[in-house]
N, C-alpha and C. Protein backbone atom coordinates (compact mmCIF):
# COMPACT_ATOMS: atom_id res chain seq x y z
N UNK A 1 48.33 107.93 121.83
CA UNK A 1 48.43 107.83 120.38
C UNK A 1 49.61 106.97 119.96
N UNK A 2 50.71 107.01 120.72
CA UNK A 2 51.88 106.19 120.37
C UNK A 2 51.57 104.70 120.48
N UNK A 3 50.81 104.33 121.51
CA UNK A 3 50.48 102.92 121.70
C UNK A 3 49.61 102.43 120.55
N UNK A 4 48.62 103.21 120.17
CA UNK A 4 47.74 102.82 119.07
C UNK A 4 48.52 102.71 117.76
N UNK A 5 49.40 103.64 117.52
CA UNK A 5 50.22 103.61 116.30
C UNK A 5 51.12 102.38 116.28
N UNK A 6 51.69 102.05 117.44
CA UNK A 6 52.56 100.88 117.53
C UNK A 6 51.80 99.59 117.24
N UNK A 7 50.60 99.44 117.81
CA UNK A 7 49.79 98.24 117.55
C UNK A 7 49.33 98.18 116.10
N UNK A 8 48.97 99.31 115.52
CA UNK A 8 48.55 99.34 114.12
C UNK A 8 49.71 98.94 113.22
N UNK A 9 50.89 99.43 113.52
CA UNK A 9 52.07 99.09 112.72
C UNK A 9 52.39 97.60 112.84
N UNK A 10 52.32 97.07 114.04
CA UNK A 10 52.59 95.64 114.26
C UNK A 10 51.54 94.78 113.56
N UNK A 11 50.28 95.19 113.60
CA UNK A 11 49.21 94.42 112.96
C UNK A 11 49.39 94.35 111.45
N UNK A 12 49.94 95.37 110.86
CA UNK A 12 50.18 95.36 109.41
C UNK A 12 51.29 94.38 109.04
N UNK A 13 52.22 94.14 109.96
CA UNK A 13 53.37 93.28 109.68
C UNK A 13 53.09 91.81 109.97
N UNK A 14 52.17 91.51 110.89
CA UNK A 14 51.94 90.13 111.32
C UNK A 14 50.66 89.60 110.72
N UNK A 15 50.72 88.36 110.22
CA UNK A 15 49.55 87.71 109.64
C UNK A 15 49.54 86.24 110.04
N UNK A 16 48.37 85.68 110.18
CA UNK A 16 48.26 84.25 110.47
C UNK A 16 48.50 83.47 109.18
N UNK A 17 49.15 82.31 109.31
CA UNK A 17 49.41 81.50 108.13
C UNK A 17 48.27 80.55 107.82
N UNK A 18 47.39 80.36 108.75
CA UNK A 18 46.22 79.50 108.56
C UNK A 18 45.24 79.74 109.68
N UNK A 19 44.13 79.04 109.63
CA UNK A 19 43.09 79.19 110.65
C UNK A 19 43.65 78.83 112.02
N UNK A 20 43.66 79.75 112.95
CA UNK A 20 44.18 79.58 114.30
C UNK A 20 45.68 79.22 114.34
N UNK A 21 46.39 79.49 113.27
CA UNK A 21 47.82 79.22 113.21
C UNK A 21 48.55 80.56 113.17
N UNK A 22 48.76 81.13 114.34
CA UNK A 22 49.34 82.47 114.45
C UNK A 22 50.54 82.44 115.39
N UNK A 23 51.70 81.96 114.89
CA UNK A 23 52.87 81.90 115.77
C UNK A 23 53.32 83.29 116.19
N UNK A 24 53.81 83.37 117.41
CA UNK A 24 54.36 84.61 117.98
C UNK A 24 53.33 85.70 118.26
N UNK A 25 52.05 85.44 118.10
CA UNK A 25 51.07 86.47 118.40
C UNK A 25 50.94 86.69 119.90
N UNK A 26 51.29 85.69 120.70
CA UNK A 26 51.24 85.87 122.15
C UNK A 26 52.21 86.94 122.61
N UNK A 27 53.32 87.08 121.91
CA UNK A 27 54.32 88.08 122.27
C UNK A 27 53.85 89.49 121.96
N UNK A 28 52.86 89.61 121.10
CA UNK A 28 52.35 90.93 120.72
C UNK A 28 51.81 91.69 121.93
N UNK A 29 51.17 90.98 122.84
CA UNK A 29 50.55 91.64 123.98
C UNK A 29 51.34 91.48 125.27
N UNK A 30 52.53 90.92 125.21
CA UNK A 30 53.33 90.78 126.41
C UNK A 30 53.85 92.13 126.86
N UNK A 31 53.85 92.32 128.16
CA UNK A 31 54.42 93.54 128.71
C UNK A 31 55.94 93.47 128.57
N UNK A 32 56.58 94.58 128.26
CA UNK A 32 58.02 94.55 128.06
C UNK A 32 58.81 94.41 129.36
N UNK A 33 58.19 94.63 130.50
CA UNK A 33 58.89 94.57 131.78
C UNK A 33 58.99 93.16 132.32
N UNK A 34 59.59 93.05 133.49
CA UNK A 34 59.72 91.77 134.17
C UNK A 34 58.42 91.42 134.88
N UNK A 35 58.28 90.17 135.23
CA UNK A 35 57.09 89.72 135.96
C UNK A 35 57.03 90.43 137.31
N UNK A 36 55.82 90.76 137.73
CA UNK A 36 55.61 91.42 139.01
C UNK A 36 55.81 90.41 140.13
N UNK A 37 56.65 90.74 141.07
CA UNK A 37 56.93 89.85 142.19
C UNK A 37 56.14 90.25 143.44
N UNK A 38 55.24 91.21 143.32
CA UNK A 38 54.50 91.72 144.46
C UNK A 38 53.30 90.86 144.82
N UNK A 39 52.37 91.48 145.51
CA UNK A 39 51.17 90.76 145.94
C UNK A 39 50.04 91.01 144.95
N UNK A 40 49.00 90.22 145.07
CA UNK A 40 47.81 90.37 144.24
C UNK A 40 46.60 90.26 145.15
N UNK A 41 45.78 91.28 145.17
CA UNK A 41 44.62 91.35 146.06
C UNK A 41 45.04 91.16 147.51
N UNK A 42 46.18 91.75 147.85
CA UNK A 42 46.66 91.71 149.22
C UNK A 42 47.29 90.40 149.64
N UNK A 43 47.46 89.47 148.71
CA UNK A 43 48.03 88.16 149.02
C UNK A 43 49.40 88.00 148.37
N UNK A 44 50.35 87.45 149.10
CA UNK A 44 51.66 87.17 148.48
C UNK A 44 51.56 85.92 147.60
N UNK A 45 52.48 85.77 146.68
CA UNK A 45 52.49 84.57 145.85
C UNK A 45 52.99 83.39 146.68
N UNK A 46 52.62 82.18 146.27
CA UNK A 46 53.03 80.95 146.93
C UNK A 46 53.58 79.99 145.88
N UNK A 47 54.48 79.12 146.30
CA UNK A 47 54.98 78.08 145.40
C UNK A 47 54.00 76.91 145.44
N UNK A 48 53.53 76.50 144.28
CA UNK A 48 52.55 75.42 144.16
C UNK A 48 52.97 74.55 142.99
N UNK A 49 53.45 73.35 143.28
CA UNK A 49 53.96 72.43 142.25
C UNK A 49 54.99 73.11 141.36
N UNK A 50 55.90 73.87 141.99
CA UNK A 50 56.99 74.49 141.26
C UNK A 50 56.65 75.77 140.53
N UNK A 51 55.45 76.30 140.70
CA UNK A 51 55.06 77.55 140.06
C UNK A 51 54.68 78.57 141.12
N UNK A 52 54.98 79.85 140.85
CA UNK A 52 54.52 80.91 141.74
C UNK A 52 53.08 81.24 141.35
N UNK A 53 52.18 81.12 142.33
CA UNK A 53 50.76 81.34 142.07
C UNK A 53 50.16 82.18 143.20
N UNK A 54 48.98 82.70 142.93
CA UNK A 54 48.18 83.38 143.95
C UNK A 54 46.99 82.49 144.25
N UNK A 55 46.83 82.12 145.52
CA UNK A 55 45.79 81.19 145.93
C UNK A 55 44.67 81.97 146.62
N UNK A 56 43.44 81.68 146.20
CA UNK A 56 42.28 82.34 146.80
C UNK A 56 41.12 81.36 146.80
N UNK A 57 40.26 81.43 147.80
CA UNK A 57 39.06 80.60 147.83
C UNK A 57 38.08 81.12 146.79
N UNK A 58 37.53 80.21 146.01
CA UNK A 58 36.59 80.59 144.96
C UNK A 58 35.37 81.31 145.54
N UNK A 59 34.90 80.88 146.71
CA UNK A 59 33.71 81.51 147.30
C UNK A 59 33.96 82.98 147.66
N UNK A 60 35.19 83.32 147.99
CA UNK A 60 35.49 84.72 148.32
C UNK A 60 35.32 85.60 147.08
N UNK A 61 35.76 85.09 145.94
CA UNK A 61 35.66 85.86 144.70
C UNK A 61 34.24 85.84 144.14
N UNK A 62 33.57 84.69 144.20
CA UNK A 62 32.25 84.57 143.57
C UNK A 62 31.10 85.09 144.44
N UNK A 63 31.25 85.06 145.75
CA UNK A 63 30.14 85.44 146.64
C UNK A 63 30.18 86.88 147.13
N UNK A 64 31.25 87.59 146.87
CA UNK A 64 31.39 88.96 147.38
C UNK A 64 31.76 89.91 146.25
N UNK A 65 31.05 91.02 146.13
CA UNK A 65 31.41 91.98 145.08
C UNK A 65 32.68 92.76 145.40
N UNK A 66 33.00 92.88 146.70
CA UNK A 66 34.18 93.64 147.11
C UNK A 66 34.91 92.92 148.25
N UNK A 67 36.21 93.16 148.34
CA UNK A 67 37.02 92.70 149.45
C UNK A 67 37.75 93.91 150.03
N UNK A 68 38.04 93.86 151.30
CA UNK A 68 38.89 94.89 151.91
C UNK A 68 40.14 94.17 152.40
N UNK A 69 41.25 94.53 151.78
CA UNK A 69 42.54 93.94 152.13
C UNK A 69 43.58 95.05 152.25
N UNK A 70 44.68 94.72 152.88
CA UNK A 70 45.74 95.72 153.03
C UNK A 70 46.53 95.83 151.72
N UNK A 71 46.85 97.07 151.34
CA UNK A 71 47.66 97.30 150.15
C UNK A 71 49.13 97.20 150.50
N UNK A 72 50.02 97.60 149.60
CA UNK A 72 51.46 97.48 149.83
C UNK A 72 51.95 98.35 150.99
N UNK A 73 51.18 99.38 151.31
CA UNK A 73 51.54 100.26 152.43
C UNK A 73 50.82 99.88 153.71
N UNK A 74 50.22 98.70 153.75
CA UNK A 74 49.49 98.18 154.90
C UNK A 74 48.26 99.01 155.23
N UNK A 75 47.71 99.70 154.24
CA UNK A 75 46.48 100.47 154.42
C UNK A 75 45.30 99.69 153.85
N UNK A 76 44.14 99.72 154.50
CA UNK A 76 42.97 99.02 153.98
C UNK A 76 42.59 99.57 152.60
N UNK A 77 42.30 98.66 151.68
CA UNK A 77 41.92 99.05 150.33
C UNK A 77 40.72 98.22 149.90
N UNK A 78 39.71 98.87 149.31
CA UNK A 78 38.55 98.17 148.79
C UNK A 78 38.90 97.69 147.38
N UNK A 79 38.69 96.39 147.14
CA UNK A 79 39.03 95.79 145.85
C UNK A 79 37.80 95.10 145.28
N UNK A 80 37.50 95.37 144.02
CA UNK A 80 36.37 94.72 143.35
C UNK A 80 36.79 93.31 142.94
N UNK A 81 36.02 92.31 143.38
CA UNK A 81 36.39 90.93 143.06
C UNK A 81 36.27 90.64 141.57
N UNK A 82 35.51 91.43 140.82
CA UNK A 82 35.42 91.25 139.38
C UNK A 82 36.77 91.49 138.70
N UNK A 83 37.68 92.17 139.38
CA UNK A 83 39.00 92.46 138.82
C UNK A 83 40.05 91.42 139.20
N UNK A 84 39.65 90.35 139.89
CA UNK A 84 40.63 89.36 140.35
C UNK A 84 41.36 88.72 139.16
N UNK A 85 40.62 88.38 138.11
CA UNK A 85 41.24 87.88 136.89
C UNK A 85 41.26 89.01 135.88
N UNK A 86 42.41 89.22 135.26
CA UNK A 86 42.53 90.29 134.28
C UNK A 86 43.24 89.79 133.03
N UNK A 87 43.64 90.69 132.17
CA UNK A 87 44.26 90.29 130.91
C UNK A 87 45.63 89.66 131.09
N UNK A 88 46.24 89.80 132.26
CA UNK A 88 47.53 89.16 132.52
C UNK A 88 47.38 87.78 133.16
N UNK A 89 46.15 87.38 133.45
CA UNK A 89 45.90 86.05 134.00
C UNK A 89 46.14 85.02 132.90
N UNK A 90 47.05 84.09 133.13
CA UNK A 90 47.37 83.10 132.11
C UNK A 90 46.71 81.75 132.36
N UNK A 91 46.39 81.46 133.61
CA UNK A 91 45.81 80.16 133.91
C UNK A 91 45.01 80.25 135.20
N UNK A 92 43.89 79.54 135.25
CA UNK A 92 43.09 79.45 136.47
C UNK A 92 42.82 77.98 136.72
N UNK A 93 43.10 77.53 137.92
CA UNK A 93 42.81 76.16 138.31
C UNK A 93 41.89 76.19 139.51
N UNK A 94 40.87 75.37 139.48
CA UNK A 94 39.93 75.29 140.59
C UNK A 94 40.01 73.89 141.18
N UNK A 95 40.35 73.82 142.46
CA UNK A 95 40.43 72.54 143.15
C UNK A 95 39.15 72.36 143.97
N UNK A 96 38.41 71.31 143.69
CA UNK A 96 37.18 71.02 144.41
C UNK A 96 37.47 69.95 145.46
N UNK A 97 37.22 70.28 146.71
CA UNK A 97 37.47 69.35 147.80
C UNK A 97 36.12 68.96 148.39
N UNK A 98 35.86 67.66 148.44
CA UNK A 98 34.59 67.16 148.96
C UNK A 98 34.85 66.39 150.24
N UNK A 99 33.90 66.49 151.17
CA UNK A 99 34.03 65.82 152.46
C UNK A 99 32.69 65.20 152.82
N UNK A 100 32.74 63.99 153.27
CA UNK A 100 31.52 63.29 153.67
C UNK A 100 31.55 63.07 155.18
N UNK A 101 30.52 63.55 155.87
CA UNK A 101 30.45 63.36 157.31
C UNK A 101 30.31 61.88 157.67
N UNK A 102 29.61 61.15 156.81
CA UNK A 102 29.36 59.75 157.08
C UNK A 102 30.63 58.90 156.92
N UNK A 103 31.45 59.20 155.91
CA UNK A 103 32.62 58.37 155.63
C UNK A 103 33.94 59.05 155.99
N UNK A 104 33.89 60.32 156.46
CA UNK A 104 35.04 61.04 156.93
C UNK A 104 36.12 61.18 155.93
């Protein structure tokens, strides 16, 4: 009930100044804590062009409904691939790599 009351109170105070012109609305849904430095789907973060990211093959997420990976306690855990992207996902980049047998 406290969370709902807090969002209702905030919604009454904040208004957009024009169509799609809503400054500071992104902060409305930000978690108050620090960024999680742990793993995601059993994978540690990696530095990629100066950003900490989680790298995964698209086929693993799209072709399998579940994955079994080790959790933080090194125990096998079943994870639904539909949960790979969530409300805290800010950006997704897909790199397509093509290879030709004829031209190598």
